[in-house]
Structures are given as C-alpha cells and as structure tokens.
Amino acid sequence: GHEQLLKMMEERMMDVEQKLRLVKRLLQDKVNQLKEQLSKNTKADAMVKDLYVENAQLLKALEATEQRQKSAERKNYLLEEKIANLNRIVKNLASPSFSP
C-alpha cells in the first residue's frame, strides 16, 4: 500500500507539474499580448499628443487668419467710405461748374 500511495502521489505531482507548465505558458502568452498592447497604446498616445500640438498650431493660424480677415474688412469698409466721400466731393465740385 505504501508503494501504491507513493506512485499515486508521484502521478499527481506530474499532473500538477504539467498543469503548472500549461498555466505558465498561458500566462506568458498573456504577458506578451499585454506588452504588445502597451506598445500600441504608447504609439497611439504619442500620435494623440502630436495631433493635439498640431491642432493647437492650426487653431492659432486660424485665429491669425480671422484677425487678418477682420482687419481687411475694416480697411475695405473705410476705403468704401472714403470713395463715397470722394464721389460726393467730385459731384459737388462738378455741379457748380455746369450751372450758369
């Protein structure tokens, strides 16, 4: 009985060792998978940061362009007012010359 008990214990130990090797392999696969995911996430994070910086630069450029457009519109409005005033002056100057 003692030898049979020893043999059963040995078989159980081998079974446990086999299961442990399988678990170790599965855990290693999971570790590799997580490392790969971490690498992808790191790259994605860097891309997001780059896009954030680029977006900030584009917003600054857009704001500057909008300011230039507003300035150009103001200058255009002032020029149109000057033209209208000059047209009035020319009209007033021309009117007396045709009257007798």
C-alpha atoms as a PDB file:
ATOM      1  CA  GLY A   1       0.000   0.000   0.000  1.00  0.00           C
ATOM      2  CA  HIS A   2       2.828   2.361   0.740  1.00  0.00           C
ATOM      3  CA  GLU A   3       4.377   1.994  -2.732  1.00  0.00           C
ATOM      4  CA  GLN A   4       0.986   2.362  -4.382  1.00  0.00           C
ATOM      5  CA  LEU A   5       0.345   5.553  -2.376  1.00  0.00           C
ATOM      6  CA  LEU A   6       3.776   6.830  -3.358  1.00  0.00           C
ATOM      7  CA  LYS A   7       3.079   6.049  -7.038  1.00  0.00           C
ATOM      8  CA  MET A   8      -0.291   7.876  -6.850  1.00  0.00           C
ATOM      9  CA  MET A   9       1.391  10.883  -5.244  1.00  0.00           C
ATOM     10  CA  GLU A  10       4.055  10.831  -7.958  1.00  0.00           C
ATOM     11  CA  GLU A  11       1.409  10.732 -10.690  1.00  0.00           C
ATOM     12  CA  ARG A  12      -0.479  13.580  -9.041  1.00  0.00           C
ATOM     13  CA  MET A  13       2.741  15.591  -8.826  1.00  0.00           C
ATOM     14  CA  MET A  14       3.429  15.004 -12.523  1.00  0.00           C
ATOM     15  CA  ASP A  15      -0.137  16.044 -13.333  1.00  0.00           C
ATOM     16  CA  VAL A  16       0.207  19.182 -11.219  1.00  0.00           C
ATOM     17  CA  GLU A  17       3.561  19.990 -12.861  1.00  0.00           C
ATOM     18  CA  GLN A  18       2.029  19.562 -16.304  1.00  0.00           C
ATOM     19  CA  LYS A  19      -0.866  21.854 -15.360  1.00  0.00           C
ATOM     20  CA  LEU A  20       1.582  24.392 -13.940  1.00  0.00           C
ATOM     21  CA  ARG A  21       3.581  24.373 -17.189  1.00  0.00           C
ATOM     22  CA  LEU A  22       0.363  24.944 -19.129  1.00  0.00           C
ATOM     23  CA  VAL A  23      -0.639  27.813 -16.820  1.00  0.00           C
ATOM     24  CA  LYS A  24       2.859  29.273 -17.107  1.00  0.00           C
ATOM     25  CA  ARG A  25       2.635  29.132 -20.924  1.00  0.00           C
ATOM     26  CA  LEU A  26      -0.804  30.747 -20.872  1.00  0.00           C
ATOM     27  CA  LEU A  27       0.429  33.466 -18.532  1.00  0.00           C
ATOM     28  CA  GLN A  28       3.458  34.107 -20.743  1.00  0.00           C
ATOM     29  CA  ASP A  29       1.172  34.412 -23.775  1.00  0.00           C
ATOM     30  CA  LYS A  30      -0.954  36.909 -21.846  1.00  0.00           C
ATOM     31  CA  VAL A  31       2.150  38.863 -20.799  1.00  0.00           C
ATOM     32  CA  ASN A  32       3.303  39.012 -24.439  1.00  0.00           C
ATOM     33  CA  GLN A  33      -0.153  40.123 -25.532  1.00  0.00           C
ATOM     34  CA  LEU A  34      -0.225  42.856 -22.875  1.00  0.00           C
ATOM     35  CA  LYS A  35       3.291  44.029 -23.822  1.00  0.00           C
ATOM     36  CA  GLU A  36       2.184  44.304 -27.441  1.00  0.00           C
ATOM     37  CA  GLN A  37      -0.938  46.220 -26.407  1.00  0.00           C
ATOM     38  CA  LEU A  38       1.159  48.548 -24.241  1.00  0.00           C
ATOM     39  CA  SER A  39       3.439  49.224 -27.198  1.00  0.00           C
ATOM     40  CA  LYS A  40       0.442  50.016 -29.413  1.00  0.00           C
ATOM     41  CA  ASN A  41      -1.059  52.242 -26.710  1.00  0.00           C
ATOM     42  CA  THR A  42       2.241  54.093 -26.305  1.00  0.00           C
ATOM     43  CA  LYS A  43       2.392  54.752 -30.046  1.00  0.00           C
ATOM     44  CA  ALA A  44      -1.243  55.849 -30.088  1.00  0.00           C
ATOM     45  CA  ASP A  45      -0.607  58.141 -27.117  1.00  0.00           C
ATOM     46  CA  ALA A  46       2.318  59.766 -28.932  1.00  0.00           C
ATOM     47  CA  MET A  47       0.155  60.237 -32.025  1.00  0.00           C
ATOM     48  CA  VAL A  48      -2.609  61.826 -29.942  1.00  0.00           C
ATOM     49  CA  LYS A  49      -0.087  64.222 -28.380  1.00  0.00           C
ATOM     50  CA  ASP A  50       1.259  65.126 -31.837  1.00  0.00           C
ATOM     51  CA  LEU A  51      -2.271  65.717 -33.101  1.00  0.00           C
ATOM     52  CA  TYR A  52      -3.040  67.852 -30.048  1.00  0.00           C
ATOM     53  CA  VAL A  53       0.017  70.037 -30.730  1.00  0.00           C
ATOM     54  CA  GLU A  54      -0.811  70.244 -34.431  1.00  0.00           C
ATOM     55  CA  ASN A  55      -4.406  71.150 -33.615  1.00  0.00           C
ATOM     56  CA  ALA A  56      -3.226  73.950 -31.306  1.00  0.00           C
ATOM     57  CA  GLN A  57      -0.970  75.291 -34.069  1.00  0.00           C
ATOM     58  CA  LEU A  58      -3.821  75.149 -36.576  1.00  0.00           C
ATOM     59  CA  LEU A  59      -6.117  76.990 -34.161  1.00  0.00           C
ATOM     60  CA  LYS A  60      -3.503  79.750 -33.745  1.00  0.00           C
ATOM     61  CA  ALA A  61      -3.137  80.000 -37.515  1.00  0.00           C
ATOM     62  CA  LEU A  62      -6.917  80.135 -37.918  1.00  0.00           C
ATOM     63  CA  GLU A  63      -7.215  82.880 -35.300  1.00  0.00           C
ATOM     64  CA  ALA A  64      -4.479  84.902 -37.018  1.00  0.00           C
ATOM     65  CA  THR A  65      -6.204  84.438 -40.388  1.00  0.00           C
ATOM     66  CA  GLU A  66      -9.542  85.517 -38.913  1.00  0.00           C
ATOM     67  CA  GLN A  67      -7.888  88.626 -37.423  1.00  0.00           C
ATOM     68  CA  ARG A  68      -6.340  89.479 -40.807  1.00  0.00           C
ATOM     69  CA  GLN A  69      -9.728  88.987 -42.457  1.00  0.00           C
ATOM     70  CA  LYS A  70     -11.436  91.305 -39.920  1.00  0.00           C
ATOM     71  CA  SER A  71      -8.694  93.884 -40.415  1.00  0.00           C
ATOM     72  CA  ALA A  72      -9.059  93.646 -44.191  1.00  0.00           C
ATOM     73  CA  GLU A  73     -12.841  94.009 -43.878  1.00  0.00           C
ATOM     74  CA  ARG A  74     -12.409  97.133 -41.692  1.00  0.00           C
ATOM     75  CA  LYS A  75      -9.927  98.623 -44.167  1.00  0.00           C
ATOM     76  CA  ASN A  76     -12.282  97.783 -47.035  1.00  0.00           C
ATOM     77  CA  TYR A  77     -15.175  99.470 -45.230  1.00  0.00           C
ATOM     78  CA  LEU A  78     -13.079 102.588 -44.578  1.00  0.00           C
ATOM     79  CA  LEU A  79     -11.954 102.665 -48.213  1.00  0.00           C
ATOM     80  CA  GLU A  80     -15.558 102.371 -49.377  1.00  0.00           C
ATOM     81  CA  GLU A  81     -16.491 105.290 -47.094  1.00  0.00           C
ATOM     82  CA  LYS A  82     -13.601 107.352 -48.497  1.00  0.00           C
ATOM     83  CA  ILE A  83     -14.686 106.533 -52.058  1.00  0.00           C
ATOM     84  CA  ALA A  84     -18.260 107.567 -51.255  1.00  0.00           C
ATOM     85  CA  ASN A  85     -16.995 110.832 -49.709  1.00  0.00           C
ATOM     86  CA  LEU A  86     -14.736 111.484 -52.704  1.00  0.00           C
ATOM     87  CA  ASN A  87     -17.638 110.815 -55.078  1.00  0.00           C
ATOM     88  CA  ARG A  88     -19.742 113.358 -53.139  1.00  0.00           C
ATOM     89  CA  ILE A  89     -16.921 115.907 -53.311  1.00  0.00           C
ATOM     90  CA  VAL A  90     -16.468 115.338 -57.048  1.00  0.00           C
ATOM     91  CA  LYS A  91     -20.236 115.607 -57.562  1.00  0.00           C
ATOM     92  CA  ASN A  92     -20.366 118.848 -55.544  1.00  0.00           C
ATOM     93  CA  LEU A  93     -17.387 120.260 -57.419  1.00  0.00           C
ATOM     94  CA  ALA A  94     -18.847 119.304 -60.793  1.00  0.00           C
ATOM     95  CA  SER A  95     -22.320 120.682 -60.071  1.00  0.00           C
ATOM     96  CA  PRO A  96     -21.424 124.421 -59.830  1.00  0.00           C
ATOM     97  CA  SER A  97     -19.314 124.312 -62.976  1.00  0.00           C
ATOM     98  CA  PHE A  98     -22.373 123.354 -65.059  1.00  0.00           C
ATOM     99  CA  SER A  99     -24.619 125.990 -63.520  1.00  0.00           C
ATOM    100  CA  PRO A 100     -24.687 129.356 -65.337  1.00  0.00           C
END
